[in-house]
């Protein structure tokens, strides 16, 4: 984790004077962080770096990506009482948010079986790196990190400049290393995008039966082997298996970050 992240997170939480912790005697204590519910852990690396910055010894008792049962101690701490409590809320927030995303991602990966599960750019401003890292820890795919990671031609691009012109301009401007993805909402647009050489076709907000028909059409055209197919839009753990059975290669889910609930962690000082 970059030092700038640590300092920004601590500045936000401590404020100007940290009146709450400055009253403490500067003594050394032991403490532990415990997960209060079962989860897939994520954020342990960041928590260790946070406490290292505060000159506190942090010993993770699990690895990121491991399952932890409810009640498990996940990090042991030793150091200045003031500094341990100064890092407490930032550490618990990061663990709670990242572990929640990793846990939901792992559930979806298991439900989808051989279909790749990816997240989207529906992330918390300023926290995208950590949310996408949590998806990766949970076994998912990070998709493009930002608008420069790949060229995605969406409905508004097509409305402004037309599909053919958009693909031509993307080929002209983007590096040869970058793939071009086209978002389609019907099978006619899918066919046109495939014929115009799109590398990836995303079925956006289409029902599973229509997607199945689209995959079959591309098979019949002999195009299926050279194009990556992705489904997205309105997909959640409840309907995930239906989309996974359509024949697509990737399912991208805004729900991985938008709908993941936080996992409850706590920190307790053990002794002086």
Foldseek 3Di string as FASTA:
>chain_A
DDPVVLVVLLCVPCPDPNVVLVVDDFDKFKKFKFFQAKFQWDQLVVLCVNVVVLVKHKDAPDDHLDIDHGGDTGIMIIHTPSSCVSSFVVSQVLGFQLRLLLRQLLLLCVLLPQAAEEEDQLADVPCLVSNLVSNVSSVHHDPQSDCLQAAEAEPVNCVVPRDLVSVVVRVVPHDPVHFYEYEDAALVVVVVCLVSPHQEYEHEPDFLVRLLVSLVVCVVVVRNVRHAYEYEYPDHSVCSNSNSPSPHRYYYYNCSNPVRGTGGMHMDTDGD
